[in-house]
């Protein structure tokens, strides 16, 4: 496998490392996030916005109805952000199931599906992280 194979996604037998993930205290998550295309059991959900208050998913919207359909099957008390992943691998690109490993990607889970932010920015306490 060479650089051209990696670039085109051909012959990829495994995904190289490059992700750190941590369970979080749900009550610590507040704010709005805009997701990149996110793969769910109902297919890819293009461009969605989620709003969290004290870790609970309280508002959402997307370009199609699949996000509402997906979240309607999750009881409101279970719509909590519980896992955060940060991609660290600069050699990978988006696509082919490696999205969460790409440098700058942020993965959010625990509220009924896993969402992806392609170029994340977050605030921890009073400090902003690129």
N, C-alpha and C. Protein backbone atom coordinates (compact mmCIF):
# COMPACT_ATOMS: atom_id res chain seq x y z
N UNK A 1 0.85 -1.17 0.00
CA UNK A 1 0.00 0.00 0.00
C UNK A 1 0.89 1.23 0.00
N UNK A 2 0.61 2.19 -0.86
CA UNK A 2 1.41 3.41 -0.91
C UNK A 2 0.52 4.63 -0.64
N UNK A 3 1.09 5.81 -0.76
CA UNK A 3 0.35 7.04 -0.49
C UNK A 3 -0.85 7.23 -1.38
N UNK A 4 -0.74 6.82 -2.65
CA UNK A 4 -1.87 6.95 -3.57
C UNK A 4 -3.03 6.04 -3.15
N UNK A 5 -2.71 4.82 -2.71
CA UNK A 5 -3.75 3.92 -2.20
C UNK A 5 -4.44 4.53 -0.99
N UNK A 6 -3.65 5.09 -0.09
CA UNK A 6 -4.21 5.71 1.10
C UNK A 6 -5.13 6.88 0.71
N UNK A 7 -4.67 7.70 -0.22
CA UNK A 7 -5.44 8.86 -0.66
C UNK A 7 -6.79 8.45 -1.27
N UNK A 8 -6.78 7.38 -2.06
CA UNK A 8 -8.01 6.95 -2.72
C UNK A 8 -8.84 5.98 -1.88
N UNK A 9 -8.27 5.47 -0.78
CA UNK A 9 -9.00 4.55 0.09
C UNK A 9 -8.97 3.11 -0.37
N UNK A 10 -8.12 2.78 -1.35
CA UNK A 10 -8.05 1.41 -1.86
C UNK A 10 -7.18 0.52 -0.98
N UNK A 11 -7.58 -0.73 -0.88
CA UNK A 11 -6.79 -1.77 -0.21
C UNK A 11 -6.51 -1.47 1.26
N UNK A 12 -7.38 -0.77 1.89
CA UNK A 12 -7.16 -0.46 3.30
C UNK A 12 -7.62 -1.65 4.14
N UNK A 13 -6.72 -2.28 4.85
CA UNK A 13 -7.05 -3.46 5.63
C UNK A 13 -7.35 -3.12 7.09
N UNK A 14 -6.88 -1.99 7.56
CA UNK A 14 -7.15 -1.57 8.93
C UNK A 14 -7.04 -0.05 8.98
N UNK A 15 -7.54 0.52 10.04
CA UNK A 15 -7.46 1.95 10.21
C UNK A 15 -6.31 2.25 11.16
N UNK A 16 -5.35 3.05 10.72
CA UNK A 16 -4.23 3.38 11.61
C UNK A 16 -4.72 4.11 12.85
N UNK A 17 -3.98 4.02 13.93
CA UNK A 17 -4.40 4.66 15.17
C UNK A 17 -4.43 6.18 15.04
N UNK A 18 -5.06 6.81 15.99
CA UNK A 18 -5.09 8.25 15.99
C UNK A 18 -6.34 8.83 16.61
N UNK A 19 -6.78 8.26 17.71
CA UNK A 19 -7.99 8.73 18.36
C UNK A 19 -7.82 8.61 19.86
N UNK A 20 -8.24 9.62 20.57
CA UNK A 20 -8.33 9.53 22.02
C UNK A 20 -9.81 9.74 22.36
N UNK A 21 -10.35 8.87 23.20
CA UNK A 21 -11.76 8.97 23.57
C UNK A 21 -11.87 8.90 25.08
N UNK A 22 -12.86 9.59 25.60
CA UNK A 22 -13.03 9.64 27.04
C UNK A 22 -14.51 9.77 27.37
N UNK A 23 -14.95 8.97 28.32
CA UNK A 23 -16.30 9.17 28.85
C UNK A 23 -16.29 10.49 29.60
N UNK A 24 -17.36 11.23 29.48
CA UNK A 24 -17.43 12.52 30.15
C UNK A 24 -18.60 12.56 31.11
N UNK A 25 -18.55 13.49 32.02
CA UNK A 25 -19.67 13.75 32.92
C UNK A 25 -20.72 14.48 32.08
N UNK A 26 -21.86 13.87 31.81
CA UNK A 26 -22.83 14.48 30.92
C UNK A 26 -23.21 15.91 31.28
N UNK A 27 -23.35 16.22 32.55
CA UNK A 27 -23.78 17.56 32.95
C UNK A 27 -22.80 18.65 32.54
N UNK A 28 -21.58 18.26 32.14
CA UNK A 28 -20.57 19.26 31.77
C UNK A 28 -20.72 19.77 30.34
N UNK A 29 -21.58 19.18 29.54
CA UNK A 29 -21.69 19.54 28.13
C UNK A 29 -22.83 20.53 27.90
N UNK A 30 -22.47 21.69 27.35
CA UNK A 30 -23.45 22.73 27.04
C UNK A 30 -23.06 23.38 25.72
N UNK A 31 -24.05 23.72 24.92
CA UNK A 31 -23.78 24.46 23.70
C UNK A 31 -24.32 23.78 22.46
N UNK A 32 -23.98 24.39 21.32
CA UNK A 32 -24.47 23.92 20.02
C UNK A 32 -23.31 23.34 19.23
N UNK A 33 -23.61 22.30 18.45
CA UNK A 33 -22.60 21.68 17.60
C UNK A 33 -23.24 21.44 16.23
N UNK A 34 -22.44 21.69 15.19
CA UNK A 34 -22.87 21.40 13.82
C UNK A 34 -22.12 20.17 13.35
N UNK A 35 -22.86 19.15 12.97
CA UNK A 35 -22.25 17.88 12.59
C UNK A 35 -21.95 17.84 11.10
N UNK A 36 -20.88 17.13 10.76
CA UNK A 36 -20.61 16.76 9.38
C UNK A 36 -21.52 15.58 9.05
N UNK A 37 -21.48 15.09 7.82
CA UNK A 37 -22.27 13.91 7.48
C UNK A 37 -21.99 12.81 8.49
N UNK A 38 -23.03 12.28 9.10
CA UNK A 38 -22.88 11.26 10.13
C UNK A 38 -23.68 10.02 9.74
N UNK A 39 -23.02 8.87 9.76
CA UNK A 39 -23.65 7.61 9.39
C UNK A 39 -24.45 7.06 10.56
N UNK A 40 -25.73 6.74 10.30
CA UNK A 40 -26.61 6.17 11.31
C UNK A 40 -27.31 4.95 10.75
N UNK A 41 -28.13 4.30 11.56
CA UNK A 41 -28.87 3.13 11.07
C UNK A 41 -29.91 3.50 10.02
N UNK A 42 -30.21 4.78 9.86
CA UNK A 42 -31.13 5.24 8.82
C UNK A 42 -30.38 5.85 7.63
N UNK A 43 -29.10 5.63 7.56
CA UNK A 43 -28.29 6.18 6.48
C UNK A 43 -27.53 7.42 6.95
N UNK A 44 -26.93 8.10 6.00
CA UNK A 44 -26.14 9.29 6.33
C UNK A 44 -27.07 10.47 6.58
N UNK A 45 -26.85 11.13 7.70
CA UNK A 45 -27.59 12.35 8.01
C UNK A 45 -26.69 13.52 7.64
N UNK A 46 -27.09 14.27 6.60
CA UNK A 46 -26.26 15.41 6.20
C UNK A 46 -26.54 16.63 7.06
N UNK A 47 -25.53 17.37 7.35
CA UNK A 47 -25.60 18.64 8.09
C UNK A 47 -26.71 18.66 9.13
N UNK A 48 -26.34 18.44 10.35
CA UNK A 48 -27.30 18.49 11.45
C UNK A 48 -26.74 19.40 12.55
N UNK A 49 -27.64 20.00 13.29
CA UNK A 49 -27.25 20.81 14.44
C UNK A 49 -27.87 20.20 15.69
N UNK A 50 -27.06 20.12 16.74
CA UNK A 50 -27.51 19.60 18.02
C UNK A 50 -27.25 20.65 19.09
N UNK A 51 -28.14 20.77 20.05
CA UNK A 51 -27.93 21.68 21.18
C UNK A 51 -28.04 20.88 22.46
N UNK A 52 -27.03 21.03 23.32
CA UNK A 52 -26.98 20.34 24.60
C UNK A 52 -27.12 21.34 25.74
N UNK A 53 -27.86 20.94 26.77
CA UNK A 53 -27.95 21.71 28.00
C UNK A 53 -27.75 20.74 29.16
N UNK A 54 -26.72 20.98 29.92
CA UNK A 54 -26.36 20.10 31.04
C UNK A 54 -26.24 18.66 30.58
N UNK A 55 -25.69 18.48 29.38
CA UNK A 55 -25.45 17.15 28.83
C UNK A 55 -26.60 16.52 28.10
N UNK A 56 -27.80 17.08 28.27
CA UNK A 56 -28.98 16.53 27.60
C UNK A 56 -29.15 17.14 26.22
N UNK A 57 -29.47 16.31 25.26
CA UNK A 57 -29.79 16.78 23.92
C UNK A 57 -31.19 17.39 23.97
N UNK A 58 -31.28 18.71 23.84
CA UNK A 58 -32.56 19.39 24.02
C UNK A 58 -33.16 19.92 22.72
N UNK A 59 -32.33 20.11 21.67
CA UNK A 59 -32.83 20.56 20.38
C UNK A 59 -32.00 19.93 19.28
N UNK A 60 -32.61 19.74 18.12
CA UNK A 60 -31.88 19.24 16.96
C UNK A 60 -32.61 19.63 15.70
N UNK A 61 -31.86 19.75 14.62
CA UNK A 61 -32.45 19.95 13.30
C UNK A 61 -31.49 19.41 12.26
N UNK A 62 -32.06 18.98 11.14
CA UNK A 62 -31.25 18.44 10.05
C UNK A 62 -31.95 18.74 8.73
N UNK A 63 -31.23 18.51 7.65
CA UNK A 63 -31.77 18.81 6.32
C UNK A 63 -32.87 17.85 5.89
N UNK A 64 -32.96 16.70 6.53
CA UNK A 64 -34.02 15.76 6.20
C UNK A 64 -34.64 15.26 7.51
N UNK A 65 -35.61 14.40 7.45
CA UNK A 65 -36.32 13.96 8.65
C UNK A 65 -35.70 12.80 9.39
N UNK A 66 -34.56 12.29 8.91
CA UNK A 66 -34.00 11.08 9.53
C UNK A 66 -33.54 11.30 10.96
N UNK A 67 -33.02 12.46 11.27
CA UNK A 67 -32.55 12.71 12.63
C UNK A 67 -33.70 12.64 13.62
N UNK A 68 -34.84 13.25 13.29
CA UNK A 68 -36.02 13.18 14.16
C UNK A 68 -36.51 11.76 14.32
N UNK A 69 -36.51 11.01 13.21
CA UNK A 69 -36.93 9.60 13.26
C UNK A 69 -36.00 8.80 14.17
N UNK A 70 -34.70 9.04 14.05
CA UNK A 70 -33.72 8.34 14.87
C UNK A 70 -33.89 8.67 16.34
N UNK A 71 -34.02 9.95 16.65
CA UNK A 71 -34.09 10.36 18.06
C UNK A 71 -35.44 10.07 18.70
N UNK A 72 -36.50 9.91 17.91
CA UNK A 72 -37.80 9.59 18.48
C UNK A 72 -37.80 8.20 19.12
N UNK A 73 -36.87 7.35 18.73
CA UNK A 73 -36.78 6.01 19.32
C UNK A 73 -35.95 5.99 20.60
N UNK A 74 -35.37 7.13 20.97
CA UNK A 74 -34.54 7.21 22.18
C UNK A 74 -35.31 8.01 23.23
N UNK A 75 -35.59 7.42 24.39
CA UNK A 75 -36.30 8.16 25.44
C UNK A 75 -35.54 9.43 25.82
N UNK A 76 -36.23 10.54 26.07
CA UNK A 76 -35.56 11.80 26.38
C UNK A 76 -34.52 11.71 27.50
N UNK A 77 -34.79 10.90 28.51
CA UNK A 77 -33.84 10.79 29.62
C UNK A 77 -32.55 10.06 29.23
N UNK A 78 -32.55 9.40 28.07
CA UNK A 78 -31.35 8.71 27.60
C UNK A 78 -30.58 9.51 26.54
N UNK A 79 -31.06 10.68 26.20
CA UNK A 79 -30.39 11.53 25.21
C UNK A 79 -29.33 12.38 25.89
N UNK A 80 -28.28 11.73 26.37
CA UNK A 80 -27.20 12.40 27.11
C UNK A 80 -25.87 12.19 26.39
N UNK A 81 -25.09 13.24 26.29
CA UNK A 81 -23.75 13.13 25.74
C UNK A 81 -22.86 12.48 26.80
N UNK A 82 -22.29 11.32 26.49
CA UNK A 82 -21.49 10.60 27.48
C UNK A 82 -20.07 10.28 27.02
N UNK A 83 -19.78 10.42 25.71
CA UNK A 83 -18.45 10.06 25.21
C UNK A 83 -18.00 11.11 24.20
N UNK A 84 -16.74 11.49 24.32
CA UNK A 84 -16.13 12.46 23.42
C UNK A 84 -14.84 11.86 22.88
N UNK A 85 -14.68 11.89 21.57
CA UNK A 85 -13.45 11.40 20.94
C UNK A 85 -12.82 12.51 20.12
N UNK A 86 -11.51 12.54 20.09
CA UNK A 86 -10.78 13.56 19.32
C UNK A 86 -9.81 12.85 18.39
N UNK A 87 -9.93 13.12 17.09
CA UNK A 87 -9.03 12.54 16.10
C UNK A 87 -7.68 13.23 16.10
N UNK A 88 -6.62 12.45 15.95
CA UNK A 88 -5.26 12.98 16.03
C UNK A 88 -4.39 12.66 14.82
N UNK A 89 -4.87 11.86 13.87
CA UNK A 89 -4.01 11.35 12.80
C UNK A 89 -4.02 12.29 11.59
N UNK A 90 -2.88 12.99 11.33
CA UNK A 90 -2.82 13.92 10.20
C UNK A 90 -2.68 13.23 8.84
N UNK A 91 -2.42 11.93 8.82
CA UNK A 91 -2.23 11.21 7.55
C UNK A 91 -3.54 10.73 6.94
N UNK A 92 -4.63 10.81 7.68
CA UNK A 92 -5.91 10.30 7.19
C UNK A 92 -6.79 11.43 6.67
N UNK A 93 -7.74 11.06 5.81
CA UNK A 93 -8.72 11.99 5.29
C UNK A 93 -10.11 11.46 5.56
N UNK A 94 -11.11 12.28 5.35
CA UNK A 94 -12.48 11.88 5.64
C UNK A 94 -12.98 10.89 4.59
N UNK A 95 -13.78 9.93 5.04
CA UNK A 95 -14.34 8.90 4.17
C UNK A 95 -13.83 7.53 4.56
N UNK A 96 -14.47 6.50 4.04
CA UNK A 96 -14.04 5.11 4.21
C UNK A 96 -14.01 4.66 5.67
N UNK A 97 -14.86 5.21 6.53
CA UNK A 97 -14.96 4.73 7.90
C UNK A 97 -13.83 5.17 8.82
N UNK A 98 -12.97 6.07 8.36
CA UNK A 98 -11.86 6.51 9.19
C UNK A 98 -12.08 7.92 9.73
N UNK A 99 -13.25 8.49 9.51
CA UNK A 99 -13.52 9.89 9.84
C UNK A 99 -13.14 10.29 11.26
N UNK A 100 -13.48 9.46 12.21
CA UNK A 100 -13.24 9.83 13.61
C UNK A 100 -11.77 9.88 13.98
N UNK A 101 -10.89 9.33 13.13
CA UNK A 101 -9.46 9.31 13.41
C UNK A 101 -8.71 10.51 12.82
N UNK A 102 -9.36 11.28 11.94
CA UNK A 102 -8.72 12.39 11.24
C UNK A 102 -8.40 13.52 12.21
N UNK A 103 -7.21 14.09 12.08
CA UNK A 103 -6.81 15.20 12.96
C UNK A 103 -7.87 16.30 12.93
N UNK A 104 -8.33 16.70 14.10
CA UNK A 104 -9.33 17.75 14.22
C UNK A 104 -10.76 17.26 14.29
N UNK A 105 -11.00 15.98 14.02
CA UNK A 105 -12.36 15.45 14.09
C UNK A 105 -12.77 15.26 15.55
N UNK A 106 -14.02 15.53 15.83
CA UNK A 106 -14.56 15.32 17.17
C UNK A 106 -15.77 14.40 17.03
N UNK A 107 -15.78 13.32 17.80
CA UNK A 107 -16.87 12.36 17.80
C UNK A 107 -17.66 12.52 19.08
N UNK A 108 -18.98 12.58 18.95
CA UNK A 108 -19.89 12.71 20.09
C UNK A 108 -20.80 11.50 20.13
N UNK A 109 -20.93 10.86 21.31
CA UNK A 109 -21.76 9.65 21.41
C UNK A 109 -22.55 9.63 22.71
N UNK A 110 -23.53 8.72 22.72
CA UNK A 110 -24.25 8.44 23.95
C UNK A 110 -25.68 8.90 23.96
N UNK A 111 -26.16 9.54 22.90
CA UNK A 111 -27.50 10.11 22.89
C UNK A 111 -28.39 9.51 21.82
N UNK A 112 -28.05 8.29 21.38
CA UNK A 112 -28.87 7.61 20.39
C UNK A 112 -28.16 7.33 19.09
N UNK A 113 -27.08 8.03 18.81
CA UNK A 113 -26.25 7.77 17.65
C UNK A 113 -24.90 8.45 17.88
N UNK A 114 -23.98 8.25 16.95
CA UNK A 114 -22.67 8.89 17.04
C UNK A 114 -22.59 9.96 15.97
N UNK A 115 -22.28 11.18 16.39
CA UNK A 115 -22.17 12.30 15.47
C UNK A 115 -20.72 12.69 15.29
N UNK A 116 -20.41 13.28 14.15
CA UNK A 116 -19.05 13.66 13.82
C UNK A 116 -18.98 15.15 13.50
N UNK A 117 -18.01 15.82 14.09
CA UNK A 117 -17.68 17.20 13.76
C UNK A 117 -16.35 17.14 13.03
N UNK A 118 -16.30 17.63 11.79
CA UNK A 118 -15.08 17.46 11.01
C UNK A 118 -13.95 18.37 11.45
N UNK A 119 -14.23 19.57 11.84
CA UNK A 119 -13.18 20.47 12.33
C UNK A 119 -13.70 21.10 13.60
N UNK A 120 -13.41 20.45 14.69
CA UNK A 120 -13.99 20.86 15.95
C UNK A 120 -13.23 21.95 16.67
N UNK A 121 -13.94 22.65 17.50
CA UNK A 121 -13.37 23.63 18.40
C UNK A 121 -14.19 23.51 19.67
N UNK A 122 -13.53 23.38 20.79
CA UNK A 122 -14.28 23.24 22.02
C UNK A 122 -13.66 24.07 23.12
N UNK A 123 -14.43 24.28 24.16
CA UNK A 123 -13.97 25.06 25.29
C UNK A 123 -13.97 24.15 26.51
N UNK A 124 -12.87 24.14 27.21
CA UNK A 124 -12.72 23.36 28.44
C UNK A 124 -12.48 24.37 29.55
N UNK A 125 -13.45 24.50 30.44
CA UNK A 125 -13.35 25.53 31.46
C UNK A 125 -13.34 26.89 30.78
N UNK A 126 -12.31 27.69 31.02
CA UNK A 126 -12.20 29.00 30.39
C UNK A 126 -11.26 28.99 29.19
N UNK A 127 -10.74 27.83 28.82
CA UNK A 127 -9.75 27.73 27.74
C UNK A 127 -10.36 27.16 26.48
N UNK A 128 -10.17 27.84 25.35
CA UNK A 128 -10.63 27.33 24.05
C UNK A 128 -9.55 26.48 23.45
N UNK A 129 -9.94 25.35 22.87
CA UNK A 129 -9.00 24.45 22.21
C UNK A 129 -9.29 24.44 20.73
N UNK A 130 -8.25 24.54 19.88
CA UNK A 130 -8.49 24.49 18.43
C UNK A 130 -8.92 23.12 17.96
